Amino acid sequence: MASSRPLARFWEWGKNILCVGRNYAEHAKELGNALPAEPLFFLKPSSAYVREGSPIVRPYYCTDLQHEVELGVVIGRRAQAVSQEAAMEHVAGYALCLDMTARDVQKECKKRGLPWTLAKAFSTSCPVSEFVPKEEIPDPHKLKIWLKVNGRLRQEGETSSMIFSIPHLISYISEIVTLEEGDLILTGSPSGVGSVQENDEIEAGIHGILSMRFRVAQQTCPS
């Protein structure tokens, strides 16, 4: 897919990160949430991106930072109200992503009926792997994604278990938010999410394709 900018470095210039929640039944169950009747999505700013070699930083206001490993879909050309049948024509490739979540803050936001921004949109809340061109993954619904913390397996899931498929997500989101070249959709996390502490090492991967590692650091409280 031709692009005026290097899609292999989408994190440097892509505008939007659109995250899908509760897209795996077991993950919804482990958090005590009902299964969605339609996709639930929220936004992270592009400043949430962090690449291997830099740390994931737990915000000073968070006491329970949790990992969620997800398959990311990189948009290759503008998509506005596209059909499910045409949706994959707008995909340039994929990346492995983490949706880092300040779970204690999210619970408080839910309780008070507030947006999830403090819990989901902080800097370094979206670690991403290298870009994988679409041609290298013939069927993104036949992948195994996994995550380990300090060498112990925490999450492992099949993308075939998504409640809403990638074409469904692209079609649904593009009816509400026009998707632009370089945008990223996080497609939801399998079960097994859990807490990480300062100096923990997170390793995650797409089986047989790629892996990535990150250290967790602690943000100091501003004076």
N, C-alpha and C. Protein backbone atom coordinates (compact mmCIF):
# COMPACT_ATOMS: atom_id res chain seq x y z
N MET A 1 0.85 -1.19 0.00
CA MET A 1 0.00 0.00 0.00
C MET A 1 0.89 1.24 0.00
N ALA A 2 0.78 2.04 -1.04
CA ALA A 2 1.62 3.22 -1.17
C ALA A 2 1.26 4.25 -0.11
N SER A 3 2.27 4.93 0.42
CA SER A 3 2.03 5.94 1.44
C SER A 3 3.02 7.08 1.25
N SER A 4 2.57 8.30 1.53
CA SER A 4 3.45 9.45 1.41
C SER A 4 4.40 9.54 2.61
N ARG A 5 4.10 8.79 3.67
CA ARG A 5 4.92 8.78 4.87
C ARG A 5 5.23 7.34 5.25
N PRO A 6 6.29 7.11 6.01
CA PRO A 6 6.69 5.72 6.31
C PRO A 6 5.77 5.06 7.32
N LEU A 7 4.90 4.19 6.85
CA LEU A 7 3.98 3.49 7.75
C LEU A 7 4.73 2.60 8.73
N ALA A 8 5.94 2.20 8.38
CA ALA A 8 6.75 1.40 9.29
C ALA A 8 7.12 2.17 10.55
N ARG A 9 6.91 3.48 10.55
CA ARG A 9 7.15 4.31 11.73
C ARG A 9 5.90 5.14 12.04
N PHE A 10 4.76 4.47 11.98
CA PHE A 10 3.47 5.15 12.16
C PHE A 10 3.39 5.88 13.50
N TRP A 11 4.09 5.38 14.52
CA TRP A 11 4.03 5.99 15.85
C TRP A 11 4.63 7.39 15.90
N GLU A 12 5.40 7.75 14.88
CA GLU A 12 6.02 9.08 14.87
C GLU A 12 5.08 10.16 14.32
N TRP A 13 4.07 9.76 13.53
CA TRP A 13 3.24 10.77 12.91
C TRP A 13 1.74 10.45 12.88
N GLY A 14 1.36 9.23 13.22
CA GLY A 14 -0.07 8.88 13.24
C GLY A 14 -0.81 9.74 14.26
N LYS A 15 -2.03 10.11 13.94
CA LYS A 15 -2.79 11.04 14.78
C LYS A 15 -3.50 10.37 15.94
N ASN A 16 -4.18 9.28 15.67
CA ASN A 16 -5.14 8.74 16.63
C ASN A 16 -4.83 7.31 17.05
N ILE A 17 -5.08 7.02 18.31
CA ILE A 17 -5.05 5.66 18.84
C ILE A 17 -6.45 5.36 19.35
N LEU A 18 -7.12 4.42 18.72
CA LEU A 18 -8.50 4.06 19.09
C LEU A 18 -8.48 2.68 19.71
N CYS A 19 -8.91 2.60 20.96
CA CYS A 19 -8.80 1.36 21.74
C CYS A 19 -10.18 0.74 21.94
N VAL A 20 -10.26 -0.55 21.71
CA VAL A 20 -11.53 -1.27 21.85
C VAL A 20 -11.52 -2.04 23.17
N GLY A 21 -12.52 -1.83 23.98
CA GLY A 21 -12.62 -2.51 25.26
C GLY A 21 -13.56 -3.71 25.20
N ARG A 22 -13.31 -4.67 26.08
CA ARG A 22 -14.22 -5.81 26.27
C ARG A 22 -14.48 -6.60 24.99
N ASN A 23 -13.42 -6.80 24.19
CA ASN A 23 -13.61 -7.51 22.92
C ASN A 23 -13.26 -8.99 23.02
N TYR A 24 -12.92 -9.45 24.22
CA TYR A 24 -12.73 -10.88 24.50
C TYR A 24 -13.62 -11.22 25.69
N ALA A 25 -14.44 -12.23 25.55
CA ALA A 25 -15.44 -12.54 26.58
C ALA A 25 -14.81 -12.82 27.93
N GLU A 26 -13.70 -13.57 27.95
CA GLU A 26 -13.08 -13.94 29.22
C GLU A 26 -12.49 -12.72 29.94
N HIS A 27 -12.01 -11.75 29.16
CA HIS A 27 -11.48 -10.53 29.78
C HIS A 27 -12.61 -9.71 30.38
N ALA A 28 -13.72 -9.60 29.66
CA ALA A 28 -14.87 -8.88 30.21
C ALA A 28 -15.32 -9.54 31.52
N LYS A 29 -15.32 -10.87 31.52
CA LYS A 29 -15.76 -11.62 32.70
C LYS A 29 -14.83 -11.38 33.88
N GLU A 30 -13.50 -11.37 33.64
CA GLU A 30 -12.56 -11.24 34.75
C GLU A 30 -12.64 -9.86 35.42
N LEU A 31 -13.13 -8.86 34.67
CA LEU A 31 -13.28 -7.53 35.25
C LEU A 31 -14.72 -7.26 35.71
N GLY A 32 -15.57 -8.29 35.60
CA GLY A 32 -16.94 -8.15 36.07
C GLY A 32 -17.82 -7.31 35.18
N ASN A 33 -17.48 -7.26 33.87
CA ASN A 33 -18.24 -6.45 32.93
C ASN A 33 -19.15 -7.32 32.06
N ALA A 34 -20.28 -6.76 31.69
CA ALA A 34 -21.19 -7.45 30.77
C ALA A 34 -20.59 -7.44 29.37
N LEU A 35 -20.94 -8.43 28.56
CA LEU A 35 -20.48 -8.46 27.18
C LEU A 35 -21.15 -7.34 26.40
N PRO A 36 -20.40 -6.63 25.56
CA PRO A 36 -20.98 -5.49 24.83
C PRO A 36 -21.87 -5.94 23.68
N ALA A 37 -22.91 -5.17 23.43
CA ALA A 37 -23.78 -5.43 22.28
C ALA A 37 -23.21 -4.79 21.02
N GLU A 38 -22.36 -3.80 21.20
CA GLU A 38 -21.68 -3.14 20.09
C GLU A 38 -20.29 -2.74 20.60
N PRO A 39 -19.35 -2.47 19.69
CA PRO A 39 -17.99 -2.15 20.15
C PRO A 39 -17.95 -0.95 21.10
N LEU A 40 -17.15 -1.10 22.14
CA LEU A 40 -16.88 -0.02 23.09
C LEU A 40 -15.49 0.50 22.79
N PHE A 41 -15.36 1.78 22.46
CA PHE A 41 -14.01 2.26 22.18
C PHE A 41 -13.76 3.61 22.85
N PHE A 42 -12.47 3.87 23.07
CA PHE A 42 -12.03 5.11 23.69
C PHE A 42 -10.73 5.52 23.02
N LEU A 43 -10.22 6.70 23.35
CA LEU A 43 -9.05 7.23 22.67
C LEU A 43 -7.86 7.38 23.60
N LYS A 44 -6.67 7.23 23.02
CA LYS A 44 -5.43 7.63 23.65
C LYS A 44 -4.79 8.68 22.74
N PRO A 45 -4.04 9.64 23.29
CA PRO A 45 -3.33 10.58 22.44
C PRO A 45 -2.08 9.93 21.84
N SER A 46 -1.55 10.50 20.77
CA SER A 46 -0.34 9.94 20.17
C SER A 46 0.85 10.02 21.10
N SER A 47 0.81 10.90 22.09
CA SER A 47 1.90 10.99 23.08
C SER A 47 1.94 9.76 24.00
N ALA A 48 0.94 8.89 23.90
CA ALA A 48 0.93 7.65 24.68
C ALA A 48 1.92 6.62 24.13
N TYR A 49 2.36 6.78 22.89
CA TYR A 49 3.27 5.80 22.29
C TYR A 49 4.60 5.75 23.06
N VAL A 50 5.11 4.54 23.23
CA VAL A 50 6.47 4.35 23.73
C VAL A 50 7.04 3.14 23.00
N ARG A 51 8.34 3.22 22.71
CA ARG A 51 9.00 2.17 21.93
C ARG A 51 10.00 1.41 22.79
N GLU A 52 10.29 0.20 22.36
CA GLU A 52 11.24 -0.64 23.07
C GLU A 52 12.56 0.11 23.27
N GLY A 53 13.10 0.02 24.47
CA GLY A 53 14.30 0.76 24.82
C GLY A 53 14.02 1.91 25.76
N SER A 54 12.76 2.35 25.79
CA SER A 54 12.31 3.36 26.75
C SER A 54 11.35 2.68 27.73
N PRO A 55 11.23 3.21 28.95
CA PRO A 55 10.40 2.54 29.95
C PRO A 55 8.92 2.89 29.85
N ILE A 56 8.10 1.99 30.36
CA ILE A 56 6.70 2.29 30.67
C ILE A 56 6.71 2.97 32.04
N VAL A 57 6.13 4.16 32.12
CA VAL A 57 6.20 4.92 33.36
C VAL A 57 4.84 4.91 34.07
N ARG A 58 4.83 4.35 35.27
CA ARG A 58 3.61 4.34 36.07
C ARG A 58 3.35 5.75 36.58
N PRO A 59 2.15 6.31 36.32
CA PRO A 59 1.86 7.68 36.76
C PRO A 59 1.93 7.82 38.29
N TYR A 60 2.31 8.99 38.73
CA TYR A 60 2.46 9.24 40.18
C TYR A 60 1.16 9.03 40.94
N TYR A 61 0.02 9.19 40.25
CA TYR A 61 -1.28 9.09 40.91
C TYR A 61 -1.87 7.68 40.88
N CYS A 62 -1.10 6.72 40.36
CA CYS A 62 -1.60 5.34 40.18
C CYS A 62 -0.91 4.40 41.16
N THR A 63 -1.70 3.53 41.80
CA THR A 63 -1.13 2.50 42.68
C THR A 63 -1.32 1.09 42.11
N ASP A 64 -2.05 0.97 41.01
CA ASP A 64 -2.32 -0.34 40.41
C ASP A 64 -2.25 -0.23 38.90
N LEU A 65 -1.04 -0.30 38.35
CA LEU A 65 -0.84 -0.25 36.90
C LEU A 65 -0.95 -1.66 36.35
N GLN A 66 -1.82 -1.85 35.36
CA GLN A 66 -2.04 -3.19 34.80
C GLN A 66 -1.76 -3.23 33.30
N HIS A 67 -1.34 -4.40 32.84
CA HIS A 67 -1.03 -4.65 31.43
C HIS A 67 -2.23 -5.26 30.73
N GLU A 68 -2.39 -4.92 29.46
CA GLU A 68 -3.35 -5.56 28.56
C GLU A 68 -2.68 -5.69 27.21
N VAL A 69 -2.38 -6.90 26.76
CA VAL A 69 -1.73 -7.10 25.47
C VAL A 69 -2.78 -7.17 24.37
N GLU A 70 -2.51 -6.53 23.24
CA GLU A 70 -3.51 -6.42 22.18
C GLU A 70 -2.86 -6.43 20.80
N LEU A 71 -3.59 -6.92 19.82
CA LEU A 71 -3.19 -6.78 18.43
C LEU A 71 -3.62 -5.39 17.96
N GLY A 72 -2.68 -4.67 17.36
CA GLY A 72 -2.99 -3.36 16.80
C GLY A 72 -3.12 -3.42 15.29
N VAL A 73 -4.05 -2.65 14.76
CA VAL A 73 -4.29 -2.58 13.31
C VAL A 73 -3.90 -1.17 12.85
N VAL A 74 -2.97 -1.09 11.90
CA VAL A 74 -2.49 0.20 11.40
C VAL A 74 -3.25 0.54 10.11
N ILE A 75 -3.88 1.69 10.11
CA ILE A 75 -4.67 2.13 8.97
C ILE A 75 -3.76 2.70 7.89
N GLY A 76 -3.98 2.27 6.64
CA GLY A 76 -3.13 2.69 5.53
C GLY A 76 -3.72 3.77 4.65
N ARG A 77 -5.03 3.90 4.68
CA ARG A 77 -5.64 5.00 3.94
C ARG A 77 -6.96 5.38 4.58
N ARG A 78 -7.38 6.61 4.33
CA ARG A 78 -8.54 7.21 4.98
C ARG A 78 -9.77 6.30 4.87
N ALA A 79 -10.48 6.18 5.99
CA ALA A 79 -11.67 5.33 6.02
C ALA A 79 -12.80 6.11 6.70
N GLN A 80 -13.85 6.34 5.96
CA GLN A 80 -15.02 7.03 6.50
C GLN A 80 -16.27 6.24 6.11
N ALA A 81 -16.96 5.72 7.13
CA ALA A 81 -18.18 4.95 6.92
C ALA A 81 -17.98 3.85 5.89
N VAL A 82 -16.93 3.05 6.06
CA VAL A 82 -16.68 1.95 5.13
C VAL A 82 -17.47 0.72 5.55
N SER A 83 -17.80 -0.10 4.59
CA SER A 83 -18.51 -1.34 4.88
C SER A 83 -17.55 -2.37 5.44
N GLN A 84 -18.10 -3.40 6.08
CA GLN A 84 -17.24 -4.49 6.56
C GLN A 84 -16.55 -5.19 5.40
N GLU A 85 -17.23 -5.28 4.28
CA GLU A 85 -16.67 -5.96 3.10
C GLU A 85 -15.44 -5.23 2.56
N ALA A 86 -15.42 -3.90 2.69
CA ALA A 86 -14.32 -3.10 2.15
C ALA A 86 -13.29 -2.72 3.21
N ALA A 87 -13.56 -3.06 4.47
CA ALA A 87 -12.75 -2.54 5.57
C ALA A 87 -11.28 -2.92 5.47
N MET A 88 -10.98 -4.17 5.10
CA MET A 88 -9.59 -4.61 5.10
C MET A 88 -8.75 -3.94 4.01
N GLU A 89 -9.39 -3.32 3.04
CA GLU A 89 -8.67 -2.56 2.02
C GLU A 89 -7.98 -1.34 2.61
N HIS A 90 -8.40 -0.94 3.81
CA HIS A 90 -7.84 0.25 4.46
C HIS A 90 -6.75 -0.09 5.47
N VAL A 91 -6.43 -1.37 5.60
CA VAL A 91 -5.41 -1.81 6.54
C VAL A 91 -4.05 -1.86 5.86
N ALA A 92 -3.05 -1.26 6.52
CA ALA A 92 -1.68 -1.31 6.00
C ALA A 92 -0.87 -2.42 6.66
N GLY A 93 -1.18 -2.71 7.92
CA GLY A 93 -0.42 -3.72 8.63
C GLY A 93 -0.82 -3.79 10.09
N TYR A 94 0.07 -4.37 10.88
CA TYR A 94 -0.27 -4.67 12.27
C TYR A 94 0.91 -4.36 13.18
N ALA A 95 0.63 -4.30 14.47
CA ALA A 95 1.66 -4.16 15.50
C ALA A 95 1.14 -4.79 16.77
N LEU A 96 2.04 -5.24 17.62
CA LEU A 96 1.64 -5.67 18.94
C LEU A 96 1.64 -4.45 19.85
N CYS A 97 0.65 -4.34 20.71
CA CYS A 97 0.50 -3.15 21.55
C CYS A 97 0.14 -3.57 22.97
N LEU A 98 0.43 -2.68 23.90
CA LEU A 98 -0.04 -2.82 25.27
C LEU A 98 -0.94 -1.65 25.58
N ASP A 99 -2.08 -1.93 26.15
CA ASP A 99 -2.96 -0.89 26.68
C ASP A 99 -2.71 -0.85 28.19
N MET A 100 -1.76 -0.02 28.60
CA MET A 100 -1.45 0.10 30.02
C MET A 100 -2.54 0.92 30.71
N THR A 101 -3.01 0.41 31.83
CA THR A 101 -4.20 0.95 32.49
C THR A 101 -3.96 1.19 33.97
N ALA A 102 -4.25 2.40 34.40
CA ALA A 102 -4.23 2.72 35.84
C ALA A 102 -5.55 2.20 36.40
N ARG A 103 -5.55 0.91 36.82
CA ARG A 103 -6.81 0.24 37.14
C ARG A 103 -7.52 0.85 38.34
N ASP A 104 -6.76 1.26 39.34
CA ASP A 104 -7.40 1.88 40.50
C ASP A 104 -8.10 3.17 40.11
N VAL A 105 -7.48 3.93 39.22
CA VAL A 105 -8.07 5.18 38.75
C VAL A 105 -9.29 4.90 37.88
N GLN A 106 -9.19 3.88 37.02
CA GLN A 106 -10.32 3.53 36.17
C GLN A 106 -11.54 3.13 37.02
N LYS A 107 -11.30 2.34 38.07
CA LYS A 107 -12.42 1.92 38.92
C LYS A 107 -13.09 3.13 39.56
N GLU A 108 -12.30 4.10 39.99
CA GLU A 108 -12.85 5.30 40.61
C GLU A 108 -13.62 6.13 39.58
N CYS A 109 -13.09 6.22 38.36
CA CYS A 109 -13.78 6.95 37.29
C CYS A 109 -15.13 6.30 36.98
N LYS A 110 -15.14 4.97 36.89
CA LYS A 110 -16.39 4.26 36.63
C LYS A 110 -17.40 4.53 37.73
N LYS A 111 -16.93 4.47 38.97
CA LYS A 111 -17.81 4.68 40.12
C LYS A 111 -18.45 6.06 40.10
N ARG A 112 -17.68 7.05 39.65
CA ARG A 112 -18.15 8.43 39.65
C ARG A 112 -18.75 8.87 38.31
N GLY A 113 -18.80 7.95 37.35
CA GLY A 113 -19.37 8.27 36.04
C GLY A 113 -18.51 9.21 35.23
N LEU A 114 -17.19 9.15 35.42
CA LEU A 114 -16.27 10.06 34.75
C LEU A 114 -15.59 9.37 33.57
N PRO A 115 -15.05 10.13 32.62
CA PRO A 115 -14.28 9.53 31.52
C PRO A 115 -13.05 8.79 32.05
N TRP A 116 -12.49 7.92 31.20
CA TRP A 116 -11.36 7.09 31.61
C TRP A 116 -10.01 7.73 31.29
N THR A 117 -9.98 8.98 30.91
CA THR A 117 -8.75 9.59 30.40
C THR A 117 -7.57 9.44 31.35
N LEU A 118 -7.76 9.73 32.64
CA LEU A 118 -6.65 9.61 33.60
C LEU A 118 -6.11 8.19 33.67
N ALA A 119 -6.98 7.22 33.45
CA ALA A 119 -6.61 5.81 33.58
C ALA A 119 -5.96 5.23 32.33
N LYS A 120 -6.24 5.82 31.19
CA LYS A 120 -5.87 5.19 29.92
C LYS A 120 -4.95 6.03 29.02
N ALA A 121 -4.90 7.33 29.22
CA ALA A 121 -4.29 8.20 28.20
C ALA A 121 -2.96 8.81 28.62
N PHE A 122 -2.40 8.40 29.74
CA PHE A 122 -1.15 8.99 30.21
C PHE A 122 0.01 8.65 29.29
N SER A 123 1.07 9.42 29.34
CA SER A 123 2.26 9.18 28.52
C SER A 123 2.81 7.79 28.81
N THR A 124 3.24 7.10 27.77
CA THR A 124 3.77 5.72 27.76
C THR A 124 2.69 4.67 28.01
N SER A 125 1.43 5.01 27.89
CA SER A 125 0.35 4.03 28.10
C SER A 125 0.10 3.15 26.88
N CYS A 126 0.85 3.39 25.77
CA CYS A 126 0.67 2.55 24.58
C CYS A 126 2.01 2.10 24.01
N PRO A 127 2.66 1.14 24.65
CA PRO A 127 3.86 0.55 24.06
C PRO A 127 3.52 -0.17 22.76
N VAL A 128 4.39 -0.03 21.75
CA VAL A 128 4.14 -0.67 20.45
C VAL A 128 5.39 -1.35 19.93
N SER A 129 5.17 -2.42 19.17
CA SER A 129 6.24 -3.19 18.55
C SER A 129 6.60 -2.60 17.19
N GLU A 130 7.45 -3.31 16.50
CA GLU A 130 7.72 -2.99 15.10
C GLU A 130 6.44 -3.18 14.27
N PHE A 131 6.36 -2.49 13.17
CA PHE A 131 5.26 -2.61 12.21
C PHE A 131 5.42 -3.90 11.41
N VAL A 132 4.31 -4.60 11.21
CA VAL A 132 4.29 -5.81 10.40
C VAL A 132 3.38 -5.56 9.20
N PRO A 133 3.91 -5.56 7.97
CA PRO A 133 3.07 -5.32 6.80
C PRO A 133 1.93 -6.33 6.69
N LYS A 134 0.83 -5.86 6.17
CA LYS A 134 -0.37 -6.68 6.01
C LYS A 134 -0.08 -8.00 5.29
N GLU A 135 0.80 -7.95 4.31
CA GLU A 135 1.08 -9.13 3.50
C GLU A 135 1.72 -10.25 4.30
N GLU A 136 2.32 -9.92 5.43
CA GLU A 136 2.99 -10.93 6.25
C GLU A 136 2.05 -11.63 7.23
N ILE A 137 0.83 -11.14 7.32
CA ILE A 137 -0.18 -11.77 8.18
C ILE A 137 -1.44 -11.99 7.35
N PRO A 138 -1.55 -13.11 6.66
CA PRO A 138 -2.69 -13.36 5.78
C PRO A 138 -4.04 -13.30 6.49
N ASP A 139 -4.09 -13.79 7.74
CA ASP A 139 -5.35 -13.76 8.48
C ASP A 139 -5.07 -13.30 9.92
N PRO A 140 -5.40 -12.05 10.25
CA PRO A 140 -5.13 -11.53 11.60
C PRO A 140 -6.01 -12.16 12.67
N HIS A 141 -6.99 -12.95 12.27
CA HIS A 141 -7.86 -13.63 13.22
C HIS A 141 -7.36 -15.04 13.54
N LYS A 142 -6.12 -15.36 13.11
CA LYS A 142 -5.52 -16.65 13.41
C LYS A 142 -4.15 -16.47 14.04
N LEU A 143 -4.09 -15.59 15.04
CA LEU A 143 -2.84 -15.30 15.72
C LEU A 143 -2.95 -15.63 17.20
N LYS A 144 -1.81 -15.94 17.81
CA LYS A 144 -1.74 -16.12 19.26
C LYS A 144 -0.89 -14.98 19.82
N ILE A 145 -1.46 -14.23 20.75
CA ILE A 145 -0.71 -13.16 21.41
C ILE A 145 -0.49 -13.54 22.87
N TRP A 146 0.62 -13.10 23.44
CA TRP A 146 0.98 -13.51 24.80
C TRP A 146 1.75 -12.40 25.50
N LEU A 147 1.79 -12.51 26.81
CA LEU A 147 2.52 -11.54 27.63
C LEU A 147 3.06 -12.23 28.87
N LYS A 148 4.32 -11.92 29.21
CA LYS A 148 4.96 -12.42 30.42
C LYS A 148 5.43 -11.24 31.27
N VAL A 149 5.42 -11.43 32.57
CA VAL A 149 6.00 -10.46 33.50
C VAL A 149 7.08 -11.17 34.29
N ASN A 150 8.30 -10.67 34.19
CA ASN A 150 9.45 -11.29 34.86
C ASN A 150 9.56 -12.78 34.53
N GLY A 151 9.29 -13.10 33.26
CA GLY A 151 9.44 -14.46 32.77
C GLY A 151 8.26 -15.38 33.00
N ARG A 152 7.24 -14.91 33.70
CA ARG A 152 6.06 -15.75 33.99
C ARG A 152 4.91 -15.36 33.07
N LEU A 153 4.32 -16.38 32.42
CA LEU A 153 3.23 -16.13 31.49
C LEU A 153 2.01 -15.60 32.23
N ARG A 154 1.49 -14.46 31.78
CA ARG A 154 0.29 -13.86 32.37
C ARG A 154 -0.90 -13.93 31.41
N GLN A 155 -0.64 -13.60 30.15
CA GLN A 155 -1.74 -13.56 29.17
C GLN A 155 -1.37 -14.38 27.95
N GLU A 156 -2.35 -15.10 27.43
CA GLU A 156 -2.20 -15.84 26.17
C GLU A 156 -3.58 -16.00 25.58
N GLY A 157 -3.74 -15.58 24.34
CA GLY A 157 -5.06 -15.66 23.74
C GLY A 157 -5.00 -15.74 22.23
N GLU A 158 -6.06 -16.23 21.65
CA GLU A 158 -6.19 -16.35 20.20
C GLU A 158 -7.06 -15.20 19.68
N THR A 159 -6.59 -14.56 18.62
CA THR A 159 -7.38 -13.46 18.06
C THR A 159 -8.69 -13.94 17.45
N SER A 160 -8.81 -15.23 17.23
CA SER A 160 -10.09 -15.79 16.75
C SER A 160 -11.19 -15.65 17.81
N SER A 161 -10.79 -15.34 19.04
CA SER A 161 -11.77 -15.22 20.13
C SER A 161 -12.36 -13.81 20.26
N MET A 162 -11.96 -12.90 19.39
CA MET A 162 -12.54 -11.56 19.44
C MET A 162 -14.06 -11.63 19.27
N ILE A 163 -14.77 -10.83 20.04
CA ILE A 163 -16.22 -10.74 19.88
C ILE A 163 -16.57 -10.06 18.57
N PHE A 164 -15.90 -8.94 18.30
CA PHE A 164 -16.10 -8.19 17.06
C PHE A 164 -14.84 -8.30 16.21
N SER A 165 -15.00 -8.73 14.97
CA SER A 165 -13.86 -8.92 14.07
C SER A 165 -13.24 -7.59 13.68
N ILE A 166 -12.07 -7.65 13.09
CA ILE A 166 -11.40 -6.43 12.64
C ILE A 166 -12.22 -5.67 11.60
N PRO A 167 -12.78 -6.33 10.57
CA PRO A 167 -13.63 -5.58 9.64
C PRO A 167 -14.82 -4.92 10.33
N HIS A 168 -15.41 -5.62 11.30
CA HIS A 168 -16.53 -5.04 12.06
C HIS A 168 -16.07 -3.80 12.80
N LEU A 169 -14.93 -3.86 13.46
CA LEU A 169 -14.43 -2.72 14.23
C LEU A 169 -14.14 -1.52 13.32
N ILE A 170 -13.46 -1.78 12.21
CA ILE A 170 -13.13 -0.68 11.29
C ILE A 170 -14.40 -0.03 10.76
N SER A 171 -15.36 -0.85 10.35
CA SER A 171 -16.60 -0.32 9.82
C SER A 171 -17.35 0.49 10.87
N TYR A 172 -17.47 -0.05 12.07
CA TYR A 172 -18.20 0.63 13.14
C TYR A 172 -17.53 1.93 13.54
N ILE A 173 -16.22 1.88 13.78
CA ILE A 173 -15.52 3.09 14.21
C ILE A 173 -15.54 4.15 13.13
N SER A 174 -15.36 3.74 11.87
CA SER A 174 -15.28 4.72 10.78
C SER A 174 -16.61 5.43 10.51
N GLU A 175 -17.70 4.89 11.03
CA GLU A 175 -18.97 5.60 10.94
C GLU A 175 -19.05 6.77 11.92
N ILE A 176 -18.19 6.73 12.95
CA ILE A 176 -18.23 7.73 14.01
C ILE A 176 -17.00 8.64 13.94
N VAL A 177 -15.83 8.02 13.77
CA VAL A 177 -14.56 8.75 13.68
C VAL A 177 -13.92 8.43 12.34
N THR A 178 -13.63 9.43 11.53
CA THR A 178 -12.94 9.18 10.27
C THR A 178 -11.52 8.73 10.57
N LEU A 179 -11.18 7.56 10.08
CA LEU A 179 -9.85 7.00 10.30
C LEU A 179 -8.89 7.55 9.26
N GLU A 180 -7.71 7.95 9.72
CA GLU A 180 -6.71 8.53 8.83
C GLU A 180 -5.51 7.60 8.70
N GLU A 181 -4.76 7.79 7.64
CA GLU A 181 -3.52 7.06 7.43
C GLU A 181 -2.63 7.20 8.67
N GLY A 182 -2.13 6.08 9.15
CA GLY A 182 -1.26 6.10 10.32
C GLY A 182 -1.97 5.93 11.64
N ASP A 183 -3.30 5.96 11.63
CA ASP A 183 -4.04 5.72 12.86
C ASP A 183 -3.90 4.26 13.28
N LEU A 184 -4.09 4.01 14.58
CA LEU A 184 -3.94 2.66 15.14
C LEU A 184 -5.20 2.28 15.89
N ILE A 185 -5.69 1.07 15.64
CA ILE A 185 -6.80 0.51 16.40
C ILE A 185 -6.27 -0.62 17.25
N LEU A 186 -6.48 -0.54 18.57
CA LEU A 186 -6.18 -1.64 19.48
C LEU A 186 -7.44 -2.48 19.61
N THR A 187 -7.32 -3.78 19.37
CA THR A 187 -8.50 -4.61 19.14
C THR A 187 -9.01 -5.35 20.38
N GLY A 188 -8.49 -5.02 21.56
CA GLY A 188 -8.96 -5.67 22.77
C GLY A 188 -7.96 -6.68 23.30
N SER A 189 -8.14 -7.05 24.56
CA SER A 189 -7.18 -7.88 25.27
C SER A 189 -7.81 -9.19 25.75
N PRO A 190 -7.07 -10.29 25.64
CA PRO A 190 -7.55 -11.54 26.24
C PRO A 190 -7.44 -11.48 27.76
N SER A 191 -7.93 -12.49 28.42
CA SER A 191 -7.92 -12.51 29.89
C SER A 191 -6.49 -12.65 30.43
N GLY A 192 -6.36 -12.44 31.73
CA GLY A 192 -5.07 -12.58 32.39
C GLY A 192 -4.39 -11.28 32.72
N VAL A 193 -5.11 -10.17 32.59
CA VAL A 193 -4.51 -8.87 32.91
C VAL A 193 -4.10 -8.85 34.38
N GLY A 194 -3.05 -8.09 34.68
CA GLY A 194 -2.58 -8.05 36.06
C GLY A 194 -1.67 -6.87 36.30
N SER A 195 -1.28 -6.71 37.55
CA SER A 195 -0.52 -5.54 37.97
C SER A 195 0.97 -5.72 37.71
N VAL A 196 1.65 -4.58 37.50
CA VAL A 196 3.10 -4.55 37.40
C VAL A 196 3.63 -3.48 38.35
N GLN A 197 4.88 -3.71 38.78
CA GLN A 197 5.53 -2.81 39.73
C GLN A 197 6.79 -2.21 39.10
N GLU A 198 7.30 -1.20 39.75
CA GLU A 198 8.55 -0.59 39.30
C GLU A 198 9.63 -1.66 39.16
N ASN A 199 10.39 -1.58 38.05
CA ASN A 199 11.49 -2.49 37.71
C ASN A 199 11.05 -3.85 37.18
N ASP A 200 9.74 -4.12 37.10
CA ASP A 200 9.28 -5.34 36.44
C ASP A 200 9.65 -5.30 34.96
N GLU A 201 9.88 -6.49 34.39
CA GLU A 201 10.11 -6.58 32.95
C GLU A 201 8.90 -7.23 32.29
N ILE A 202 8.35 -6.56 31.31
CA ILE A 202 7.22 -7.08 30.53
C ILE A 202 7.76 -7.54 29.18
N GLU A 203 7.45 -8.77 28.82
CA GLU A 203 7.76 -9.29 27.49
C GLU A 203 6.46 -9.73 26.86
N ALA A 204 6.25 -9.35 25.60
CA ALA A 204 5.01 -9.71 24.92
C ALA A 204 5.31 -10.05 23.46
N GLY A 205 4.41 -10.83 22.85
CA GLY A 205 4.68 -11.21 21.47
C GLY A 205 3.47 -11.70 20.71
N ILE A 206 3.65 -11.77 19.41
CA ILE A 206 2.74 -12.48 18.52
C ILE A 206 3.48 -13.76 18.14
N HIS A 207 2.93 -14.90 18.50
CA HIS A 207 3.62 -16.18 18.34
C HIS A 207 4.11 -16.37 16.90
N GLY A 208 5.42 -16.63 16.77
CA GLY A 208 6.01 -16.90 15.47
C GLY A 208 6.30 -15.68 14.63
N ILE A 209 6.01 -14.48 15.16
CA ILE A 209 6.18 -13.26 14.34
C ILE A 209 7.12 -12.25 14.98
N LEU A 210 6.86 -11.87 16.23
CA LEU A 210 7.71 -10.86 16.86
C LEU A 210 7.51 -10.89 18.38
N SER A 211 8.41 -10.21 19.08
CA SER A 211 8.26 -10.00 20.51
C SER A 211 8.88 -8.65 20.87
N MET A 212 8.60 -8.18 22.08
CA MET A 212 9.13 -6.90 22.55
C MET A 212 9.26 -6.94 24.07
N ARG A 213 10.14 -6.09 24.62
CA ARG A 213 10.36 -6.03 26.06
C ARG A 213 10.34 -4.59 26.54
N PHE A 214 9.80 -4.40 27.74
CA PHE A 214 9.77 -3.09 28.37
C PHE A 214 10.00 -3.23 29.87
N ARG A 215 10.68 -2.25 30.44
CA ARG A 215 10.81 -2.13 31.89
C ARG A 215 9.79 -1.13 32.40
N VAL A 216 9.37 -1.32 33.64
CA VAL A 216 8.43 -0.39 34.28
C VAL A 216 9.21 0.54 35.19
N ALA A 217 8.95 1.82 35.05
CA ALA A 217 9.57 2.84 35.91
C ALA A 217 8.45 3.58 36.64
N GLN A 218 8.83 4.34 37.66
CA GLN A 218 7.86 5.09 38.47
C GLN A 218 8.04 6.58 38.26
N GLN A 219 6.94 7.25 37.97
CA GLN A 219 6.97 8.71 37.85
C GLN A 219 7.02 9.33 39.23
N THR A 220 7.86 10.34 39.39
CA THR A 220 7.91 11.03 40.67
C THR A 220 6.79 12.04 40.75
N CYS A 221 6.27 12.24 41.94
CA CYS A 221 5.14 13.15 42.14
C CYS A 221 5.63 14.59 41.96
N PRO A 222 4.95 15.37 41.11
CA PRO A 222 5.38 16.77 40.95
C PRO A 222 5.20 17.54 42.24
N SER A 223 6.09 18.47 42.48
CA SER A 223 6.03 19.24 43.74
C SER A 223 4.94 20.31 43.67
